[in-house]
Protein backbone atom coordinates (compact mmCIF):
# COMPACT_ATOMS: atom_id res chain seq x y z
CA MET A 1 9.63 8.79 10.70
CA GLN A 2 11.33 6.53 8.23
CA GLU A 3 10.16 6.41 4.62
CA THR A 4 9.03 2.77 4.85
CA LYS A 5 6.67 3.62 7.69
CA LYS A 6 5.41 6.76 5.93
CA LEU A 7 4.66 4.77 2.77
CA GLY A 8 2.89 2.11 4.81
CA ASN A 9 0.76 4.74 6.52
CA TYR A 10 -0.11 6.24 3.14
CA ILE A 11 -1.17 2.85 1.75
CA ARG A 12 -3.28 2.17 4.85
CA LYS A 13 -4.97 5.58 4.52
CA LEU A 14 -5.81 4.94 0.86
CA ARG A 15 -7.25 1.53 1.73
CA GLU A 16 -9.28 2.85 4.66
CA ASP A 17 -10.55 5.81 2.61
CA LYS A 18 -12.07 3.24 0.25
CA ASN A 19 -13.59 1.40 3.24
CA LEU A 20 -11.69 -1.79 2.43
CA SER A 21 -10.59 -4.21 5.10
CA LEU A 22 -7.06 -5.49 5.13
CA ASN A 23 -8.26 -8.99 4.25
CA SER A 24 -10.59 -7.99 1.43
CA PHE A 25 -8.03 -5.69 -0.19
CA SER A 26 -5.27 -8.29 0.16
CA TYR A 27 -7.15 -11.21 -1.32
CA LYS A 28 -8.68 -9.10 -4.10
CA ASN A 29 -5.20 -8.04 -5.22
CA GLY A 30 -3.30 -11.29 -4.74
CA LEU A 31 -1.50 -10.37 -1.53
CA GLU A 32 -1.23 -12.17 1.76
CA PRO A 33 -2.94 -10.15 4.50
CA SER A 34 0.13 -10.58 6.70
CA THR A 35 2.33 -9.09 3.98
CA LEU A 36 0.07 -6.07 3.56
CA SER A 37 -0.09 -5.63 7.32
CA ARG A 38 3.72 -5.65 7.60
CA ILE A 39 3.93 -3.10 4.76
CA GLU A 40 1.33 -0.82 6.34
CA THR A 41 3.09 -0.91 9.71
CA GLY A 42 6.49 -0.23 8.15
CA ILE A 43 8.03 -3.54 9.15
CA ILE A 44 9.01 -4.42 5.57
CA ASP A 45 9.74 -2.53 2.38
CA PRO A 46 7.41 -3.63 -0.41
CA LYS A 47 8.98 -5.20 -3.47
CA TYR A 48 8.19 -3.60 -6.82
CA SER A 49 5.92 -6.50 -7.79
CA THR A 50 3.96 -5.96 -4.58
CA LEU A 51 3.67 -2.24 -5.23
CA VAL A 52 2.24 -3.09 -8.67
CA LYS A 53 -0.50 -5.14 -7.00
CA ILE A 54 -1.22 -2.48 -4.40
CA ALA A 55 -1.39 0.31 -6.99
CA ALA A 56 -3.68 -1.79 -9.19
CA GLY A 57 -5.97 -2.20 -6.20
CA PHE A 58 -6.35 1.57 -6.17
CA ASP A 59 -6.79 1.72 -9.97
CA MET A 60 -3.47 3.47 -10.52
CA LYS A 61 0.05 2.80 -11.72
CA VAL A 62 2.99 2.48 -9.34
CA SER A 63 4.38 5.77 -10.62
CA GLU A 64 1.13 7.53 -9.75
CA LEU A 65 0.99 5.91 -6.31
CA LEU A 66 4.55 7.01 -5.52
CA LYS A 67 4.12 10.47 -7.02
CA ASN A 68 1.04 11.08 -4.87
CA PHE A 69 2.91 9.77 -1.83
CA GLU A 70 5.87 12.08 -2.46
CA LYS A 71 3.57 15.10 -2.75
CA LEU A 72 2.54 14.53 0.86
CA ASN A 73 6.09 14.43 2.16
């Protein structure tokens, strides 16, 4: 599985573990739901600015998000 898809799956799992819908998480963090969906399915690589928004939605820094992701792989 490619890294983009693995990261997307990880982000989806974090979001679902917090019982947040794609739409609610997206709008709360200034993302388009379609963008988040494409990230979670591995269609696109998230830009750094998007990762900042996603990490903030989980109350963490990008470095922490990526470090936790790398521990799983």
